[in-house]
Amino acid sequence: MPLLKRREVSGTISFSGAAPARAALVKEIASRYHAAEDAIVVKGIHVRFGSSQASFTAYLYDSAESRQAIEPKPRDKKAKAPEKKE
C-alpha cells in the first residue's frame, strides 16, 4: 500500500482553440480511470506556445478524505480577511 494513497498520472492531450480547463481535465481523468472527481488533483497543464497539445500531471487519490489530509489547503485571502464594521 502506498504511503500517500495516490497514483501520479501524466499524459498529453490534444485540443483546438483554448487550452482545456482543469475541471474538464478532471472529468476526463475520472471517466478514464473510474475515479471520483473529488479525489483528483491536477498539478499542472503545460502548453507549448503555438501548439495544440498540452502535457499534464495529476494525482489520483484513493478517496476524497485522503486527498484532503495530504493536499495543502487553498489560501483564500477573502476568507481570512476580517469583516469591515460600518
PDB file of N, CA and C in Angstrom:
ATOM      1  N   MET A   1       0.859  -1.175   0.000  1.00  0.00           N
ATOM      2  CA  MET A   1       0.000   0.000   0.000  1.00  0.00           C
ATOM      3  C   MET A   1       0.900   1.231   0.000  1.00  0.00           C
ATOM      4  N   PRO A   2       0.684   2.148  -0.934  1.00  0.00           N
ATOM      5  CA  PRO A   2       1.496   3.372  -0.986  1.00  0.00           C
ATOM      6  C   PRO A   2       1.267   4.235   0.252  1.00  0.00           C
ATOM      7  N   LEU A   3       2.298   4.942   0.628  1.00  0.00           N
ATOM      8  CA  LEU A   3       2.240   5.781   1.819  1.00  0.00           C
ATOM      9  C   LEU A   3       1.230   6.916   1.661  1.00  0.00           C
ATOM     10  N   LEU A   4       1.203   7.577   0.514  1.00  0.00           N
ATOM     11  CA  LEU A   4       0.320   8.729   0.309  1.00  0.00           C
ATOM     12  C   LEU A   4      -1.032   8.352  -0.286  1.00  0.00           C
ATOM     13  N   LYS A   5      -1.250   7.094  -0.592  1.00  0.00           N
ATOM     14  CA  LYS A   5      -2.527   6.601  -1.123  1.00  0.00           C
ATOM     15  C   LYS A   5      -2.943   7.356  -2.379  1.00  0.00           C
ATOM     16  N   ARG A   6      -1.989   7.471  -3.313  1.00  0.00           N
ATOM     17  CA  ARG A   6      -2.285   8.155  -4.560  1.00  0.00           C
ATOM     18  C   ARG A   6      -1.431   7.580  -5.680  1.00  0.00           C
ATOM     19  N   ARG A   7      -1.889   7.840  -6.911  1.00  0.00           N
ATOM     20  CA  ARG A   7      -1.128   7.490  -8.103  1.00  0.00           C
ATOM     21  C   ARG A   7      -0.870   8.766  -8.876  1.00  0.00           C
ATOM     22  N   GLU A   8       0.293   8.858  -9.495  1.00  0.00           N
ATOM     23  CA  GLU A   8       0.600  10.011 -10.326  1.00  0.00           C
ATOM     24  C   GLU A   8       0.307   9.644 -11.774  1.00  0.00           C
ATOM     25  N   VAL A   9      -0.441  10.510 -12.441  1.00  0.00           N
ATOM     26  CA  VAL A   9      -0.810  10.294 -13.829  1.00  0.00           C
ATOM     27  C   VAL A   9      -0.293  11.473 -14.641  1.00  0.00           C
ATOM     28  N   SER A  10       0.338  11.183 -15.755  1.00  0.00           N
ATOM     29  CA  SER A  10       0.769  12.252 -16.651  1.00  0.00           C
ATOM     30  C   SER A  10       0.472  11.815 -18.071  1.00  0.00           C
ATOM     31  N   GLY A  11       0.283  12.791 -18.934  1.00  0.00           N
ATOM     32  CA  GLY A  11      -0.040  12.470 -20.312  1.00  0.00           C
ATOM     33  C   GLY A  11      -0.063  13.706 -21.182  1.00  0.00           C
ATOM     34  N   THR A  12      -0.476  13.490 -22.413  1.00  0.00           N
ATOM     35  CA  THR A  12      -0.571  14.559 -23.397  1.00  0.00           C
ATOM     36  C   THR A  12      -1.983  14.590 -23.947  1.00  0.00           C
ATOM     37  N   ILE A  13      -2.535  15.797 -24.084  1.00  0.00           N
ATOM     38  CA  ILE A  13      -3.872  15.955 -24.644  1.00  0.00           C
ATOM     39  C   ILE A  13      -3.805  16.878 -25.852  1.00  0.00           C
ATOM     40  N   SER A  14      -4.671  16.624 -26.822  1.00  0.00           N
ATOM     41  CA  SER A  14      -4.787  17.487 -27.997  1.00  0.00           C
ATOM     42  C   SER A  14      -6.070  18.281 -27.884  1.00  0.00           C
ATOM     43  N   PHE A  15      -6.046  19.516 -28.369  1.00  0.00           N
ATOM     44  CA  PHE A  15      -7.223  20.376 -28.285  1.00  0.00           C
ATOM     45  C   PHE A  15      -7.215  21.340 -29.454  1.00  0.00           C
ATOM     46  N   SER A  16      -8.358  21.949 -29.679  1.00  0.00           N
ATOM     47  CA  SER A  16      -8.455  23.021 -30.673  1.00  0.00           C
ATOM     48  C   SER A  16      -8.988  24.251 -29.951  1.00  0.00           C
ATOM     49  N   GLY A  17      -8.459  25.394 -30.281  1.00  0.00           N
ATOM     50  CA  GLY A  17      -8.869  26.618 -29.594  1.00  0.00           C
ATOM     51  C   GLY A  17      -8.082  26.798 -28.323  1.00  0.00           C
ATOM     52  N   ALA A  18      -8.763  27.192 -27.260  1.00  0.00           N
ATOM     53  CA  ALA A  18      -8.110  27.440 -25.978  1.00  0.00           C
ATOM     54  C   ALA A  18      -7.750  26.125 -25.292  1.00  0.00           C
ATOM     55  N   ALA A  19      -6.760  26.190 -24.425  1.00  0.00           N
ATOM     56  CA  ALA A  19      -6.357  25.012 -23.652  1.00  0.00           C
ATOM     57  C   ALA A  19      -7.512  24.584 -22.745  1.00  0.00           C
ATOM     58  N   PRO A  20      -7.656  23.308 -22.495  1.00  0.00           N
ATOM     59  CA  PRO A  20      -8.771  22.838 -21.661  1.00  0.00           C
ATOM     60  C   PRO A  20      -8.632  23.319 -20.219  1.00  0.00           C
ATOM     61  N   ALA A  21      -9.757  23.528 -19.593  1.00  0.00           N
ATOM     62  CA  ALA A  21      -9.785  23.956 -18.192  1.00  0.00           C
ATOM     63  C   ALA A  21      -9.490  22.760 -17.293  1.00  0.00           C
ATOM     64  N   ARG A  22      -9.077  23.055 -16.067  1.00  0.00           N
ATOM     65  CA  ARG A  22      -8.785  21.981 -15.113  1.00  0.00           C
ATOM     66  C   ARG A  22     -10.013  21.129 -14.841  1.00  0.00           C
ATOM     67  N   ALA A  23     -11.185  21.743 -14.760  1.00  0.00           N
ATOM     68  CA  ALA A  23     -12.406  20.997 -14.465  1.00  0.00           C
ATOM     69  C   ALA A  23     -12.708  19.983 -15.572  1.00  0.00           C
ATOM     70  N   ALA A  24     -12.515  20.377 -16.821  1.00  0.00           N
ATOM     71  CA  ALA A  24     -12.743  19.456 -17.937  1.00  0.00           C
ATOM     72  C   ALA A  24     -11.727  18.318 -17.913  1.00  0.00           C
ATOM     73  N   LEU A  25     -10.505  18.624 -17.553  1.00  0.00           N
ATOM     74  CA  LEU A  25      -9.471  17.602 -17.468  1.00  0.00           C
ATOM     75  C   LEU A  25      -9.757  16.629 -16.324  1.00  0.00           C
ATOM     76  N   VAL A  26     -10.243  17.135 -15.206  1.00  0.00           N
ATOM     77  CA  VAL A  26     -10.599  16.273 -14.076  1.00  0.00           C
ATOM     78  C   VAL A  26     -11.707  15.309 -14.476  1.00  0.00           C
ATOM     79  N   LYS A  27     -12.715  15.800 -15.199  1.00  0.00           N
ATOM     80  CA  LYS A  27     -13.812  14.928 -15.640  1.00  0.00           C
ATOM     81  C   LYS A  27     -13.310  13.833 -16.577  1.00  0.00           C
ATOM     82  N   GLU A  28     -12.411  14.173 -17.472  1.00  0.00           N
ATOM     83  CA  GLU A  28     -11.872  13.194 -18.410  1.00  0.00           C
ATOM     84  C   GLU A  28     -11.031  12.143 -17.690  1.00  0.00           C
ATOM     85  N   ILE A  29     -10.201  12.567 -16.752  1.00  0.00           N
ATOM     86  CA  ILE A  29      -9.389  11.627 -15.984  1.00  0.00           C
ATOM     87  C   ILE A  29     -10.274  10.718 -15.151  1.00  0.00           C
ATOM     88  N   ALA A  30     -11.312  11.276 -14.535  1.00  0.00           N
ATOM     89  CA  ALA A  30     -12.226  10.482 -13.706  1.00  0.00           C
ATOM     90  C   ALA A  30     -12.926   9.408 -14.534  1.00  0.00           C
ATOM     91  N   SER A  31     -13.351   9.758 -15.739  1.00  0.00           N
ATOM     92  CA  SER A  31     -14.030   8.765 -16.566  1.00  0.00           C
ATOM     93  C   SER A  31     -13.059   7.707 -17.088  1.00  0.00           C
ATOM     94  N   ARG A  32     -11.841   8.100 -17.383  1.00  0.00           N
ATOM     95  CA  ARG A  32     -10.865   7.151 -17.928  1.00  0.00           C
ATOM     96  C   ARG A  32     -10.358   6.173 -16.872  1.00  0.00           C
ATOM     97  N   TYR A  33     -10.141   6.648 -15.644  1.00  0.00           N
ATOM     98  CA  TYR A  33      -9.590   5.806 -14.588  1.00  0.00           C
ATOM     99  C   TYR A  33     -10.640   5.326 -13.586  1.00  0.00           C
ATOM    100  N   HIS A  34     -11.910   5.593 -13.841  1.00  0.00           N
ATOM    101  CA  HIS A  34     -13.014   5.180 -12.969  1.00  0.00           C
ATOM    102  C   HIS A  34     -12.771   5.635 -11.535  1.00  0.00           C
ATOM    103  N   ALA A  35     -12.497   6.916 -11.373  1.00  0.00           N
ATOM    104  CA  ALA A  35     -12.227   7.501 -10.058  1.00  0.00           C
ATOM    105  C   ALA A  35     -13.219   8.619  -9.780  1.00  0.00           C
ATOM    106  N   ALA A  36     -13.347   8.978  -8.509  1.00  0.00           N
ATOM    107  CA  ALA A  36     -14.219  10.084  -8.122  1.00  0.00           C
ATOM    108  C   ALA A  36     -13.542  11.403  -8.460  1.00  0.00           C
ATOM    109  N   GLU A  37     -14.326  12.370  -8.934  1.00  0.00           N
ATOM    110  CA  GLU A  37     -13.770  13.668  -9.330  1.00  0.00           C
ATOM    111  C   GLU A  37     -13.179  14.425  -8.151  1.00  0.00           C
ATOM    112  N   ASP A  38     -13.738  14.255  -6.962  1.00  0.00           N
ATOM    113  CA  ASP A  38     -13.224  14.987  -5.808  1.00  0.00           C
ATOM    114  C   ASP A  38     -11.954  14.357  -5.233  1.00  0.00           C
ATOM    115  N   ALA A  39     -11.496  13.246  -5.809  1.00  0.00           N
ATOM    116  CA  ALA A  39     -10.263  12.599  -5.369  1.00  0.00           C
ATOM    117  C   ALA A  39      -9.123  12.834  -6.358  1.00  0.00           C
ATOM    118  N   ILE A  40      -9.304  13.772  -7.296  1.00  0.00           N
ATOM    119  CA  ILE A  40      -8.305  14.049  -8.328  1.00  0.00           C
ATOM    120  C   ILE A  40      -7.809  15.486  -8.179  1.00  0.00           C
ATOM    121  N   VAL A  41      -6.495  15.654  -8.263  1.00  0.00           N
ATOM    122  CA  VAL A  41      -5.884  16.979  -8.204  1.00  0.00           C
ATOM    123  C   VAL A  41      -5.001  17.132  -9.432  1.00  0.00           C
ATOM    124  N   VAL A  42      -5.280  18.138 -10.256  1.00  0.00           N
ATOM    125  CA  VAL A  42      -4.445  18.434 -11.417  1.00  0.00           C
ATOM    126  C   VAL A  42      -3.345  19.381 -10.952  1.00  0.00           C
ATOM    127  N   LYS A  43      -2.107  18.933 -11.040  1.00  0.00           N
ATOM    128  CA  LYS A  43      -0.978  19.733 -10.573  1.00  0.00           C
ATOM    129  C   LYS A  43      -0.530  20.752 -11.612  1.00  0.00           C
ATOM    130  N   GLY A  44      -0.633  20.422 -12.886  1.00  0.00           N
ATOM    131  CA  GLY A  44      -0.191  21.375 -13.885  1.00  0.00           C
ATOM    132  C   GLY A  44      -0.611  20.983 -15.289  1.00  0.00           C
ATOM    133  N   ILE A  45      -0.886  22.002 -16.098  1.00  0.00           N
ATOM    134  CA  ILE A  45      -1.152  21.833 -17.522  1.00  0.00           C
ATOM    135  C   ILE A  45      -0.142  22.719 -18.237  1.00  0.00           C
ATOM    136  N   HIS A  46       0.678  22.120 -19.064  1.00  0.00           N
ATOM    137  CA  HIS A  46       1.767  22.841 -19.717  1.00  0.00           C
ATOM    138  C   HIS A  46       1.548  22.842 -21.228  1.00  0.00           C
ATOM    139  N   VAL A  47       1.368  24.034 -21.786  1.00  0.00           N
ATOM    140  CA  VAL A  47       1.113  24.196 -23.214  1.00  0.00           C
ATOM    141  C   VAL A  47       2.317  24.871 -23.846  1.00  0.00           C
ATOM    142  N   ARG A  48       2.792  24.319 -24.929  1.00  0.00           N
ATOM    143  CA  ARG A  48       3.865  24.981 -25.674  1.00  0.00           C
ATOM    144  C   ARG A  48       3.237  26.029 -26.569  1.00  0.00           C
ATOM    145  N   PHE A  49       3.849  27.179 -26.652  1.00  0.00           N
ATOM    146  CA  PHE A  49       3.306  28.292 -27.420  1.00  0.00           C
ATOM    147  C   PHE A  49       3.099  27.881 -28.877  1.00  0.00           C
ATOM    148  N   GLY A  50       1.899  28.138 -29.391  1.00  0.00           N
ATOM    149  CA  GLY A  50       1.582  27.851 -30.775  1.00  0.00           C
ATOM    150  C   GLY A  50       1.227  26.406 -31.056  1.00  0.00           C
ATOM    151  N   SER A  51       1.165  25.596 -30.026  1.00  0.00           N
ATOM    152  CA  SER A  51       0.881  24.177 -30.202  1.00  0.00           C
ATOM    153  C   SER A  51      -0.559  23.882 -29.810  1.00  0.00           C
ATOM    154  N   SER A  52      -1.098  22.817 -30.358  1.00  0.00           N
ATOM    155  CA  SER A  52      -2.451  22.392 -29.990  1.00  0.00           C
ATOM    156  C   SER A  52      -2.388  21.143 -29.120  1.00  0.00           C
ATOM    157  N   GLN A  53      -1.270  20.952 -28.438  1.00  0.00           N
ATOM    158  CA  GLN A  53      -1.110  19.854 -27.499  1.00  0.00           C
ATOM    159  C   GLN A  53      -0.608  20.390 -26.166  1.00  0.00           C
ATOM    160  N   ALA A  54      -1.002  19.716 -25.116  1.00  0.00           N
ATOM    161  CA  ALA A  54      -0.570  20.103 -23.776  1.00  0.00           C
ATOM    162  C   ALA A  54      -0.230  18.846 -22.994  1.00  0.00           C
ATOM    163  N   SER A  55       0.740  18.958 -22.115  1.00  0.00           N
ATOM    164  CA  SER A  55       1.045  17.856 -21.211  1.00  0.00           C
ATOM    165  C   SER A  55       0.494  18.225 -19.832  1.00  0.00           C
ATOM    166  N   PHE A  56       0.147  17.211 -19.063  1.00  0.00           N
ATOM    167  CA  PHE A  56      -0.428  17.453 -17.742  1.00  0.00           C
ATOM    168  C   PHE A  56       0.118  16.460 -16.742  1.00  0.00           C
ATOM    169  N   THR A  57       0.016  16.833 -15.474  1.00  0.00           N
ATOM    170  CA  THR A  57       0.352  15.966 -14.354  1.00  0.00           C
ATOM    171  C   THR A  57      -0.791  16.054 -13.359  1.00  0.00           C
ATOM    172  N   ALA A  58      -1.246  14.897 -12.880  1.00  0.00           N
ATOM    173  CA  ALA A  58      -2.352  14.861 -11.931  1.00  0.00           C
ATOM    174  C   ALA A  58      -2.112  13.758 -10.913  1.00  0.00           C
ATOM    175  N   TYR A  59      -2.751  13.891  -9.753  1.00  0.00           N
ATOM    176  CA  TYR A  59      -2.710  12.874  -8.709  1.00  0.00           C
ATOM    177  C   TYR A  59      -4.101  12.284  -8.555  1.00  0.00           C
ATOM    178  N   LEU A  60      -4.180  10.951  -8.514  1.00  0.00           N
ATOM    179  CA  LEU A  60      -5.428  10.238  -8.260  1.00  0.00           C
ATOM    180  C   LEU A  60      -5.332   9.639  -6.863  1.00  0.00           C
ATOM    181  N   TYR A  61      -6.117  10.154  -5.943  1.00  0.00           N
ATOM    182  CA  TYR A  61      -6.121   9.649  -4.574  1.00  0.00           C
ATOM    183  C   TYR A  61      -7.131   8.527  -4.448  1.00  0.00           C
ATOM    184  N   ASP A  62      -6.925   7.663  -3.456  1.00  0.00           N
ATOM    185  CA  ASP A  62      -7.847   6.553  -3.217  1.00  0.00           C
ATOM    186  C   ASP A  62      -9.224   7.052  -2.791  1.00  0.00           C
ATOM    187  N   SER A  63      -9.264   8.171  -2.068  1.00  0.00           N
ATOM    188  CA  SER A  63     -10.532   8.728  -1.613  1.00  0.00           C
ATOM    189  C   SER A  63     -10.385  10.234  -1.435  1.00  0.00           C
ATOM    190  N   ALA A  64     -11.515  10.906  -1.319  1.00  0.00           N
ATOM    191  CA  ALA A  64     -11.511  12.352  -1.104  1.00  0.00           C
ATOM    192  C   ALA A  64     -10.925  12.688   0.272  1.00  0.00           C
ATOM    193  N   GLU A  65     -11.125  11.808   1.246  1.00  0.00           N
ATOM    194  CA  GLU A  65     -10.595  12.044   2.584  1.00  0.00           C
ATOM    195  C   GLU A  65      -9.067  12.026   2.577  1.00  0.00           C
ATOM    196  N   SER A  66      -8.473  11.096   1.846  1.00  0.00           N
ATOM    197  CA  SER A  66      -7.011  11.056   1.786  1.00  0.00           C
ATOM    198  C   SER A  66      -6.464  12.266   1.022  1.00  0.00           C
ATOM    199  N   ARG A  67      -7.194  12.753   0.023  1.00  0.00           N
ATOM    200  CA  ARG A  67      -6.781  13.971  -0.688  1.00  0.00           C
ATOM    201  C   ARG A  67      -6.800  15.169   0.253  1.00  0.00           C
ATOM    202  N   GLN A  68      -7.853  15.299   1.043  1.00  0.00           N
ATOM    203  CA  GLN A  68      -7.962  16.426   1.966  1.00  0.00           C
ATOM    204  C   GLN A  68      -6.903  16.378   3.056  1.00  0.00           C
ATOM    205  N   ALA A  69      -6.496  15.177   3.456  1.00  0.00           N
ATOM    206  CA  ALA A  69      -5.498  15.050   4.507  1.00  0.00           C
ATOM    207  C   ALA A  69      -4.094  15.382   4.001  1.00  0.00           C
ATOM    208  N   ILE A  70      -3.823  15.161   2.723  1.00  0.00           N
ATOM    209  CA  ILE A  70      -2.470  15.317   2.197  1.00  0.00           C
ATOM    210  C   ILE A  70      -2.261  16.640   1.472  1.00  0.00           C
ATOM    211  N   GLU A  71      -3.198  17.031   0.646  1.00  0.00           N
ATOM    212  CA  GLU A  71      -3.034  18.238  -0.170  1.00  0.00           C
ATOM    213  C   GLU A  71      -3.099  19.490   0.701  1.00  0.00           C
ATOM    214  N   PRO A  72      -2.291  20.503   0.388  1.00  0.00           N
ATOM    215  CA  PRO A  72      -2.358  21.755   1.147  1.00  0.00           C
ATOM    216  C   PRO A  72      -3.694  22.454   0.927  1.00  0.00           C
ATOM    217  N   LYS A  73      -4.122  23.136   1.949  1.00  0.00           N
ATOM    218  CA  LYS A  73      -5.394  23.863   1.874  1.00  0.00           C
ATOM    219  C   LYS A  73      -5.209  25.101   0.997  1.00  0.00           C
ATOM    220  N   PRO A  74      -6.223  25.472   0.199  1.00  0.00           N
ATOM    221  CA  PRO A  74      -6.100  26.684  -0.608  1.00  0.00           C
ATOM    222  C   PRO A  74      -6.053  27.922   0.278  1.00  0.00           C
ATOM    223  N   ARG A  75      -5.257  28.853  -0.138  1.00  0.00           N
ATOM    224  CA  ARG A  75      -5.125  30.095   0.630  1.00  0.00           C
ATOM    225  C   ARG A  75      -6.020  31.149   0.003  1.00  0.00           C
ATOM    226  N   ASP A  76      -7.142  31.369   0.613  1.00  0.00           N
ATOM    227  CA  ASP A  76      -8.103  32.337   0.107  1.00  0.00           C
ATOM    228  C   ASP A  76      -8.019  33.593   0.956  1.00  0.00           C
ATOM    229  N   LYS A  77      -7.553  34.681   0.372  1.00  0.00           N
ATOM    230  CA  LYS A  77      -7.379  35.926   1.120  1.00  0.00           C
ATOM    231  C   LYS A  77      -8.712  36.482   1.599  1.00  0.00           C
ATOM    232  N   LYS A  78      -9.755  36.312   0.810  1.00  0.00           N
ATOM    233  CA  LYS A  78     -11.055  36.845   1.201  1.00  0.00           C
ATOM    234  C   LYS A  78     -11.617  36.102   2.408  1.00  0.00           C
ATOM    235  N   ALA A  79     -11.339  34.828   2.516  1.00  0.00           N
ATOM    236  CA  ALA A  79     -11.847  34.054   3.642  1.00  0.00           C
ATOM    237  C   ALA A  79     -11.167  34.460   4.946  1.00  0.00           C
ATOM    238  N   LYS A  80      -9.919  34.878   4.857  1.00  0.00           N
ATOM    239  CA  LYS A  80      -9.176  35.247   6.058  1.00  0.00           C
ATOM    240  C   LYS A  80      -9.305  36.725   6.414  1.00  0.00           C
ATOM    241  N   ALA A  81      -9.777  37.551   5.491  1.00  0.00           N
ATOM    242  CA  ALA A  81      -9.876  38.988   5.749  1.00  0.00           C
ATOM    243  C   ALA A  81     -10.988  39.275   6.752  1.00  0.00           C
ATOM    244  N   PRO A  82     -10.732  40.116   7.752  1.00  0.00           N
ATOM    245  CA  PRO A  82     -11.772  40.450   8.723  1.00  0.00           C
ATOM    246  C   PRO A  82     -12.853  41.325   8.064  1.00  0.00           C
ATOM    247  N   GLU A  83     -14.060  41.139   8.537  1.00  0.00           N
ATOM    248  CA  GLU A  83     -15.166  41.924   8.001  1.00  0.00           C
ATOM    249  C   GLU A  83     -15.078  43.358   8.484  1.00  0.00           C
ATOM    250  N   LYS A  84     -15.447  44.293   7.616  1.00  0.00           N
ATOM    251  CA  LYS A  84     -15.434  45.710   7.971  1.00  0.00           C
ATOM    252  C   LYS A  84     -16.712  46.046   8.736  1.00  0.00           C
ATOM    253  N   LYS A  85     -16.547  46.766   9.829  1.00  0.00           N
ATOM    254  CA  LYS A  85     -17.710  47.194  10.615  1.00  0.00           C
ATOM    255  C   LYS A  85     -18.125  48.556  10.129  1.00  0.00           C
ATOM    256  N   GLU A  86     -19.397  48.718   9.934  1.00  0.00           N
ATOM    257  CA  GLU A  86     -19.918  50.002   9.462  1.00  0.00           C
ATOM    258  C   GLU A  86     -20.841  50.622  10.470  1.00  0.00           C
TER     259      GLU A  86
END
